[in-house]
Each structure stands twice: as C-alpha cells, then as structure tokens.
Amino acid sequence: HLDIPSVEWLGEYLQEEGIITGEIGQYGMFIKAVEGEKAVYEEDNAYWGFYVNGEYAQLGIDQTPIEEGAVYKLAYTPA
C-alpha cells in the first residue's frame, strides 16, 4: 500500500516515484517499463495491463485519479 500522495493522478505519481516509464500516445500514457522490467509491444509482443480493484481499467493510468482504498495492479501481458 502506498501513502496517499499530494498528486491527484496515479500515472503522474508512479512516474515521479520512478516506478513506471512510458510515453504519451494518442490514447494517453503507454507504459513501457515497471520497476525497470520492459514490455514494449514492438519488441516483445507484450504490454502492461492495468487493473483497478481487480477489473481491467476503463481509463488510462494517467487519467486515473488516486482513490484511498483502491487496489491498482500492473500485469505483464503477452499478446
């Protein structure tokens, strides 16, 4: 569990903490690495699946507000 940060958006927080790296595309942030582990679709046909409270997220990580008590998960997902 993370302490509730002063930033409002999950993606911003995870980037500031150095947990994720990625790039902004037409649909928002595309996560390329989590804690240094890469998932670059063009290179390894995998991506980082993003889940909120056990369900596949309906918004991108950079559009997801941080909510107390919510459970967030990033899963390496082969295509």
PDB file of N, CA and C in Angstrom:
ATOM      1  N   HIS A   1       0.843  -1.187   0.000  1.00  0.00           N
ATOM      2  CA  HIS A   1       0.000   0.000   0.000  1.00  0.00           C
ATOM      3  C   HIS A   1       0.881   1.240   0.000  1.00  0.00           C
ATOM      4  N   LEU A   2       0.435   2.236  -0.747  1.00  0.00           N
ATOM      5  CA  LEU A   2       1.175   3.486  -0.834  1.00  0.00           C
ATOM      6  C   LEU A   2       0.501   4.543   0.025  1.00  0.00           C
ATOM      7  N   ASP A   3       1.304   5.434   0.580  1.00  0.00           N
ATOM      8  CA  ASP A   3       0.709   6.580   1.261  1.00  0.00           C
ATOM      9  C   ASP A   3       0.027   7.432   0.207  1.00  0.00           C
ATOM     10  N   ILE A   4      -1.069   8.080   0.574  1.00  0.00           N
ATOM     11  CA  ILE A   4      -1.774   8.939  -0.380  1.00  0.00           C
ATOM     12  C   ILE A   4      -0.865  10.121  -0.714  1.00  0.00           C
ATOM     13  N   PRO A   5      -0.479  10.247  -1.966  1.00  0.00           N
ATOM     14  CA  PRO A   5       0.447  11.314  -2.359  1.00  0.00           C
ATOM     15  C   PRO A   5      -0.279  12.640  -2.564  1.00  0.00           C
ATOM     16  N   SER A   6       0.516  13.685  -2.759  1.00  0.00           N
ATOM     17  CA  SER A   6      -0.061  15.012  -2.982  1.00  0.00           C
ATOM     18  C   SER A   6      -0.554  15.186  -4.419  1.00  0.00           C
ATOM     19  N   VAL A   7      -0.095  14.342  -5.350  1.00  0.00           N
ATOM     20  CA  VAL A   7      -0.576  14.435  -6.730  1.00  0.00           C
ATOM     21  C   VAL A   7      -1.918  13.731  -6.842  1.00  0.00           C
ATOM     22  N   GLU A   8      -2.665  14.090  -7.843  1.00  0.00           N
ATOM     23  CA  GLU A   8      -4.032  13.618  -7.998  1.00  0.00           C
ATOM     24  C   GLU A   8      -4.158  12.385  -8.892  1.00  0.00           C
ATOM     25  N   TRP A   9      -3.232  12.200  -9.823  1.00  0.00           N
ATOM     26  CA  TRP A   9      -3.357  11.161 -10.840  1.00  0.00           C
ATOM     27  C   TRP A   9      -2.343  10.048 -10.608  1.00  0.00           C
ATOM     28  N   LEU A  10      -2.764   8.811 -10.754  1.00  0.00           N
ATOM     29  CA  LEU A  10      -1.913   7.659 -10.495  1.00  0.00           C
ATOM     30  C   LEU A  10      -0.676   7.635 -11.391  1.00  0.00           C
ATOM     31  N   GLY A  11      -0.860   7.855 -12.690  1.00  0.00           N
ATOM     32  CA  GLY A  11       0.275   7.829 -13.616  1.00  0.00           C
ATOM     33  C   GLY A  11       1.342   8.843 -13.250  1.00  0.00           C
ATOM     34  N   GLU A  12       0.911  10.038 -12.899  1.00  0.00           N
ATOM     35  CA  GLU A  12       1.855  11.090 -12.517  1.00  0.00           C
ATOM     36  C   GLU A  12       2.650  10.664 -11.275  1.00  0.00           C
ATOM     37  N   TYR A  13       1.958  10.111 -10.293  1.00  0.00           N
ATOM     38  CA  TYR A  13       2.612   9.666  -9.070  1.00  0.00           C
ATOM     39  C   TYR A  13       3.638   8.567  -9.353  1.00  0.00           C
ATOM     40  N   LEU A  14       3.239   7.551 -10.121  1.00  0.00           N
ATOM     41  CA  LEU A  14       4.138   6.438 -10.400  1.00  0.00           C
ATOM     42  C   LEU A  14       5.357   6.872 -11.200  1.00  0.00           C
ATOM     43  N   GLN A  15       5.193   7.853 -12.086  1.00  0.00           N
ATOM     44  CA  GLN A  15       6.337   8.389 -12.826  1.00  0.00           C
ATOM     45  C   GLN A  15       7.257   9.161 -11.895  1.00  0.00           C
ATOM     46  N   GLU A  16       6.694  10.020 -11.058  1.00  0.00           N
ATOM     47  CA  GLU A  16       7.507  10.811 -10.131  1.00  0.00           C
ATOM     48  C   GLU A  16       8.320   9.920  -9.200  1.00  0.00           C
ATOM     49  N   GLU A  17       7.756   8.781  -8.808  1.00  0.00           N
ATOM     50  CA  GLU A  17       8.441   7.852  -7.913  1.00  0.00           C
ATOM     51  C   GLU A  17       9.414   6.935  -8.660  1.00  0.00           C
ATOM     52  N   GLY A  18       9.453   7.031  -9.991  1.00  0.00           N
ATOM     53  CA  GLY A  18      10.346   6.202 -10.787  1.00  0.00           C
ATOM     54  C   GLY A  18       9.895   4.759 -10.912  1.00  0.00           C
ATOM     55  N   ILE A  19       8.622   4.497 -10.651  1.00  0.00           N
ATOM     56  CA  ILE A  19       8.095   3.131 -10.708  1.00  0.00           C
ATOM     57  C   ILE A  19       7.778   2.724 -12.139  1.00  0.00           C
ATOM     58  N   ILE A  20       7.269   3.667 -12.939  1.00  0.00           N
ATOM     59  CA  ILE A  20       6.954   3.374 -14.338  1.00  0.00           C
ATOM     60  C   ILE A  20       7.659   4.361 -15.262  1.00  0.00           C
ATOM     61  N   THR A  21       7.889   3.904 -16.496  1.00  0.00           N
ATOM     62  CA  THR A  21       8.333   4.778 -17.574  1.00  0.00           C
ATOM     63  C   THR A  21       7.440   4.488 -18.766  1.00  0.00           C
ATOM     64  N   GLY A  22       7.273   5.484 -19.600  1.00  0.00           N
ATOM     65  CA  GLY A  22       6.437   5.296 -20.771  1.00  0.00           C
ATOM     66  C   GLY A  22       6.466   6.520 -21.651  1.00  0.00           C
ATOM     67  N   GLU A  23       5.520   6.550 -22.560  1.00  0.00           N
ATOM     68  CA  GLU A  23       5.420   7.693 -23.458  1.00  0.00           C
ATOM     69  C   GLU A  23       3.949   7.982 -23.707  1.00  0.00           C
ATOM     70  N   ILE A  24       3.677   9.228 -24.034  1.00  0.00           N
ATOM     71  CA  ILE A  24       2.306   9.640 -24.300  1.00  0.00           C
ATOM     72  C   ILE A  24       1.982   9.377 -25.765  1.00  0.00           C
ATOM     73  N   GLY A  25       0.877   8.707 -25.992  1.00  0.00           N
ATOM     74  CA  GLY A  25       0.390   8.428 -27.335  1.00  0.00           C
ATOM     75  C   GLY A  25      -0.986   9.037 -27.508  1.00  0.00           C
ATOM     76  N   GLN A  26      -1.664   8.686 -28.561  1.00  0.00           N
ATOM     77  CA  GLN A  26      -2.971   9.288 -28.832  1.00  0.00           C
ATOM     78  C   GLN A  26      -4.029   8.890 -27.814  1.00  0.00           C
ATOM     79  N   TYR A  27      -3.794   7.812 -27.060  1.00  0.00           N
ATOM     80  CA  TYR A  27      -4.759   7.367 -26.053  1.00  0.00           C
ATOM     81  C   TYR A  27      -4.272   7.594 -24.629  1.00  0.00           C
ATOM     82  N   GLY A  28      -3.253   8.411 -24.460  1.00  0.00           N
ATOM     83  CA  GLY A  28      -2.697   8.659 -23.139  1.00  0.00           C
ATOM     84  C   GLY A  28      -1.377   7.941 -22.969  1.00  0.00           C
ATOM     85  N   MET A  29      -0.974   7.724 -21.724  1.00  0.00           N
ATOM     86  CA  MET A  29       0.323   7.113 -21.460  1.00  0.00           C
ATOM     87  C   MET A  29       0.340   5.630 -21.810  1.00  0.00           C
ATOM     88  N   PHE A  30       1.371   5.246 -22.542  1.00  0.00           N
ATOM     89  CA  PHE A  30       1.642   3.844 -22.852  1.00  0.00           C
ATOM     90  C   PHE A  30       2.829   3.444 -21.991  1.00  0.00           C
ATOM     91  N   ILE A  31       2.615   2.549 -21.037  1.00  0.00           N
ATOM     92  CA  ILE A  31       3.664   2.142 -20.098  1.00  0.00           C
ATOM     93  C   ILE A  31       4.621   1.200 -20.798  1.00  0.00           C
ATOM     94  N   LYS A  32       5.910   1.539 -20.742  1.00  0.00           N
ATOM     95  CA  LYS A  32       6.929   0.690 -21.362  1.00  0.00           C
ATOM     96  C   LYS A  32       7.662  -0.169 -20.352  1.00  0.00           C
ATOM     97  N   ALA A  33       7.788   0.304 -19.101  1.00  0.00           N
ATOM     98  CA  ALA A  33       8.513  -0.465 -18.093  1.00  0.00           C
ATOM     99  C   ALA A  33       7.941  -0.186 -16.707  1.00  0.00           C
ATOM    100  N   VAL A  34       7.936  -1.216 -15.888  1.00  0.00           N
ATOM    101  CA  VAL A  34       7.532  -1.123 -14.489  1.00  0.00           C
ATOM    102  C   VAL A  34       8.716  -1.619 -13.669  1.00  0.00           C
ATOM    103  N   GLU A  35       9.215  -0.754 -12.812  1.00  0.00           N
ATOM    104  CA  GLU A  35      10.396  -1.066 -11.998  1.00  0.00           C
ATOM    105  C   GLU A  35      11.511  -1.663 -12.850  1.00  0.00           C
ATOM    106  N   GLY A  36      11.704  -1.095 -14.044  1.00  0.00           N
ATOM    107  CA  GLY A  36      12.778  -1.497 -14.930  1.00  0.00           C
ATOM    108  C   GLY A  36      12.476  -2.679 -15.845  1.00  0.00           C
ATOM    109  N   GLU A  37      11.379  -3.396 -15.606  1.00  0.00           N
ATOM    110  CA  GLU A  37      11.026  -4.537 -16.459  1.00  0.00           C
ATOM    111  C   GLU A  37      10.244  -4.027 -17.667  1.00  0.00           C
ATOM    112  N   LYS A  38      10.792  -4.269 -18.849  1.00  0.00           N
ATOM    113  CA  LYS A  38      10.189  -3.750 -20.072  1.00  0.00           C
ATOM    114  C   LYS A  38       9.084  -4.647 -20.616  1.00  0.00           C
ATOM    115  N   ALA A  39       8.111  -3.990 -21.230  1.00  0.00           N
ATOM    116  CA  ALA A  39       7.094  -4.660 -22.042  1.00  0.00           C
ATOM    117  C   ALA A  39       6.829  -3.700 -23.193  1.00  0.00           C
ATOM    118  N   VAL A  40       7.548  -3.872 -24.275  1.00  0.00           N
ATOM    119  CA  VAL A  40       7.415  -2.991 -25.435  1.00  0.00           C
ATOM    120  C   VAL A  40       6.813  -3.820 -26.562  1.00  0.00           C
ATOM    121  N   TYR A  41       5.585  -3.531 -26.898  1.00  0.00           N
ATOM    122  CA  TYR A  41       4.845  -4.351 -27.856  1.00  0.00           C
ATOM    123  C   TYR A  41       5.635  -4.587 -29.142  1.00  0.00           C
ATOM    124  N   GLU A  42       6.267  -3.540 -29.655  1.00  0.00           N
ATOM    125  CA  GLU A  42       7.016  -3.664 -30.906  1.00  0.00           C
ATOM    126  C   GLU A  42       8.223  -4.593 -30.771  1.00  0.00           C
ATOM    127  N   GLU A  43       8.707  -4.786 -29.546  1.00  0.00           N
ATOM    128  CA  GLU A  43       9.894  -5.607 -29.324  1.00  0.00           C
ATOM    129  C   GLU A  43       9.558  -7.025 -28.853  1.00  0.00           C
ATOM    130  N   ASP A  44       8.589  -7.155 -27.937  1.00  0.00           N
ATOM    131  CA  ASP A  44       8.339  -8.467 -27.341  1.00  0.00           C
ATOM    132  C   ASP A  44       6.866  -8.893 -27.374  1.00  0.00           C
ATOM    133  N   ASN A  45       6.043  -8.181 -28.140  1.00  0.00           N
ATOM    134  CA  ASN A  45       4.618  -8.501 -28.274  1.00  0.00           C
ATOM    135  C   ASN A  45       3.911  -8.613 -26.925  1.00  0.00           C
ATOM    136  N   ALA A  46       4.262  -7.722 -25.997  1.00  0.00           N
ATOM    137  CA  ALA A  46       3.628  -7.714 -24.679  1.00  0.00           C
ATOM    138  C   ALA A  46       3.330  -6.267 -24.286  1.00  0.00           C
ATOM    139  N   TYR A  47       2.475  -6.117 -23.295  1.00  0.00           N
ATOM    140  CA  TYR A  47       2.138  -4.787 -22.781  1.00  0.00           C
ATOM    141  C   TYR A  47       1.829  -4.904 -21.298  1.00  0.00           C
ATOM    142  N   TRP A  48       1.725  -3.772 -20.633  1.00  0.00           N
ATOM    143  CA  TRP A  48       1.371  -3.734 -19.225  1.00  0.00           C
ATOM    144  C   TRP A  48      -0.126  -3.546 -19.097  1.00  0.00           C
ATOM    145  N   GLY A  49      -0.830  -4.568 -18.660  1.00  0.00           N
ATOM    146  CA  GLY A  49      -2.264  -4.464 -18.385  1.00  0.00           C
ATOM    147  C   GLY A  49      -2.458  -3.704 -17.087  1.00  0.00           C
ATOM    148  N   PHE A  50      -3.453  -2.847 -17.042  1.00  0.00           N
ATOM    149  CA  PHE A  50      -3.705  -2.004 -15.874  1.00  0.00           C
ATOM    150  C   PHE A  50      -5.075  -2.344 -15.305  1.00  0.00           C
ATOM    151  N   TYR A  51      -5.108  -2.669 -14.006  1.00  0.00           N
ATOM    152  CA  TYR A  51      -6.334  -3.095 -13.337  1.00  0.00           C
ATOM    153  C   TYR A  51      -6.618  -2.208 -12.123  1.00  0.00           C
ATOM    154  N   VAL A  52      -7.888  -1.938 -11.908  1.00  0.00           N
ATOM    155  CA  VAL A  52      -8.336  -1.185 -10.735  1.00  0.00           C
ATOM    156  C   VAL A  52      -9.359  -2.052 -10.007  1.00  0.00           C
ATOM    157  N   ASN A  53      -9.077  -2.340  -8.756  1.00  0.00           N
ATOM    158  CA  ASN A  53      -9.954  -3.177  -7.932  1.00  0.00           C
ATOM    159  C   ASN A  53     -10.289  -4.509  -8.615  1.00  0.00           C
ATOM    160  N   GLY A  54      -9.284  -5.117  -9.251  1.00  0.00           N
ATOM    161  CA  GLY A  54      -9.431  -6.432  -9.853  1.00  0.00           C
ATOM    162  C   GLY A  54     -10.048  -6.463 -11.237  1.00  0.00           C
ATOM    163  N   GLU A  55     -10.432  -5.307 -11.780  1.00  0.00           N
ATOM    164  CA  GLU A  55     -11.034  -5.257 -13.114  1.00  0.00           C
ATOM    165  C   GLU A  55     -10.155  -4.448 -14.057  1.00  0.00           C
ATOM    166  N   TYR A  56     -10.152  -4.864 -15.341  1.00  0.00           N
ATOM    167  CA  TYR A  56      -9.371  -4.137 -16.330  1.00  0.00           C
ATOM    168  C   TYR A  56      -9.825  -2.683 -16.329  1.00  0.00           C
ATOM    169  N   ALA A  57      -8.885  -1.774 -16.239  1.00  0.00           N
ATOM    170  CA  ALA A  57      -9.195  -0.347 -16.105  1.00  0.00           C
ATOM    171  C   ALA A  57      -9.918   0.198 -17.331  1.00  0.00           C
ATOM    172  N   GLN A  58     -10.859   1.078 -17.077  1.00  0.00           N
ATOM    173  CA  GLN A  58     -11.616   1.720 -18.148  1.00  0.00           C
ATOM    174  C   GLN A  58     -10.945   3.008 -18.620  1.00  0.00           C
ATOM    175  N   LEU A  59     -10.012   3.530 -17.829  1.00  0.00           N
ATOM    176  CA  LEU A  59      -9.265   4.736 -18.176  1.00  0.00           C
ATOM    177  C   LEU A  59      -7.781   4.413 -18.174  1.00  0.00           C
ATOM    178  N   GLY A  60      -7.004   5.231 -18.871  1.00  0.00           N
ATOM    179  CA  GLY A  60      -5.558   5.058 -18.840  1.00  0.00           C
ATOM    180  C   GLY A  60      -5.000   5.427 -17.480  1.00  0.00           C
ATOM    181  N   ILE A  61      -3.790   4.983 -17.212  1.00  0.00           N
ATOM    182  CA  ILE A  61      -3.190   5.224 -15.902  1.00  0.00           C
ATOM    183  C   ILE A  61      -3.004   6.712 -15.632  1.00  0.00           C
ATOM    184  N   ASP A  62      -2.773   7.505 -16.681  1.00  0.00           N
ATOM    185  CA  ASP A  62      -2.604   8.942 -16.489  1.00  0.00           C
ATOM    186  C   ASP A  62      -3.940   9.673 -16.346  1.00  0.00           C
ATOM    187  N   GLN A  63      -5.044   8.977 -16.544  1.00  0.00           N
ATOM    188  CA  GLN A  63      -6.384   9.560 -16.391  1.00  0.00           C
ATOM    189  C   GLN A  63      -7.115   8.972 -15.191  1.00  0.00           C
ATOM    190  N   THR A  64      -6.392   8.182 -14.388  1.00  0.00           N
ATOM    191  CA  THR A  64      -6.986   7.518 -13.234  1.00  0.00           C
ATOM    192  C   THR A  64      -6.664   8.297 -11.968  1.00  0.00           C
ATOM    193  N   PRO A  65      -7.695   8.823 -11.309  1.00  0.00           N
ATOM    194  CA  PRO A  65      -7.440   9.539 -10.058  1.00  0.00           C
ATOM    195  C   PRO A  65      -7.054   8.563  -8.956  1.00  0.00           C
ATOM    196  N   ILE A  66      -6.212   9.025  -8.050  1.00  0.00           N
ATOM    197  CA  ILE A  66      -5.828   8.208  -6.905  1.00  0.00           C
ATOM    198  C   ILE A  66      -6.968   8.244  -5.903  1.00  0.00           C
ATOM    199  N   GLU A  67      -7.441   7.063  -5.503  1.00  0.00           N
ATOM    200  CA  GLU A  67      -8.543   6.972  -4.553  1.00  0.00           C
ATOM    201  C   GLU A  67      -8.106   6.119  -3.361  1.00  0.00           C
ATOM    202  N   GLU A  68      -8.334   6.621  -2.181  1.00  0.00           N
ATOM    203  CA  GLU A  68      -7.989   5.888  -0.970  1.00  0.00           C
ATOM    204  C   GLU A  68      -8.753   4.563  -0.942  1.00  0.00           C
ATOM    205  N   GLY A  69      -8.044   3.480  -0.656  1.00  0.00           N
ATOM    206  CA  GLY A  69      -8.655   2.162  -0.560  1.00  0.00           C
ATOM    207  C   GLY A  69      -8.693   1.391  -1.866  1.00  0.00           C
ATOM    208  N   ALA A  70      -8.434   2.048  -2.995  1.00  0.00           N
ATOM    209  CA  ALA A  70      -8.441   1.361  -4.281  1.00  0.00           C
ATOM    210  C   ALA A  70      -7.193   0.481  -4.404  1.00  0.00           C
ATOM    211  N   VAL A  71      -7.323  -0.611  -5.161  1.00  0.00           N
ATOM    212  CA  VAL A  71      -6.197  -1.517  -5.405  1.00  0.00           C
ATOM    213  C   VAL A  71      -5.848  -1.417  -6.887  1.00  0.00           C
ATOM    214  N   TYR A  72      -4.600  -1.046  -7.171  1.00  0.00           N
ATOM    215  CA  TYR A  72      -4.126  -0.887  -8.542  1.00  0.00           C
ATOM    216  C   TYR A  72      -3.113  -1.991  -8.841  1.00  0.00           C
ATOM    217  N   LYS A  73      -3.170  -2.520 -10.069  1.00  0.00           N
ATOM    218  CA  LYS A  73      -2.261  -3.590 -10.448  1.00  0.00           C
ATOM    219  C   LYS A  73      -1.799  -3.375 -11.888  1.00  0.00           C
ATOM    220  N   LEU A  74      -0.511  -3.581 -12.124  1.00  0.00           N
ATOM    221  CA  LEU A  74       0.055  -3.594 -13.469  1.00  0.00           C
ATOM    222  C   LEU A  74       0.547  -5.010 -13.716  1.00  0.00           C
ATOM    223  N   ALA A  75       0.079  -5.630 -14.794  1.00  0.00           N
ATOM    224  CA  ALA A  75       0.430  -7.023 -15.080  1.00  0.00           C
ATOM    225  C   ALA A  75       1.080  -7.129 -16.461  1.00  0.00           C
ATOM    226  N   TYR A  76       2.257  -7.736 -16.505  1.00  0.00           N
ATOM    227  CA  TYR A  76       2.919  -8.019 -17.779  1.00  0.00           C
ATOM    228  C   TYR A  76       2.007  -8.961 -18.550  1.00  0.00           C
ATOM    229  N   THR A  77       1.632  -8.564 -19.766  1.00  0.00           N
ATOM    230  CA  THR A  77       0.635  -9.309 -20.520  1.00  0.00           C
ATOM    231  C   THR A  77       1.151  -9.619 -21.928  1.00  0.00           C
ATOM    232  N   PRO A  78       1.487 -10.881 -22.221  1.00  0.00           N
ATOM    233  CA  PRO A  78       1.879 -11.248 -23.576  1.00  0.00           C
ATOM    234  C   PRO A  78       0.684 -11.137 -24.518  1.00  0.00           C
ATOM    235  N   ALA A  79       0.950 -10.676 -25.727  1.00  0.00           N
ATOM    236  CA  ALA A  79      -0.137 -10.525 -26.712  1.00  0.00           C
ATOM    237  C   ALA A  79      -0.503 -11.864 -27.309  1.00  0.00           C
TER     238      ALA A  79
END
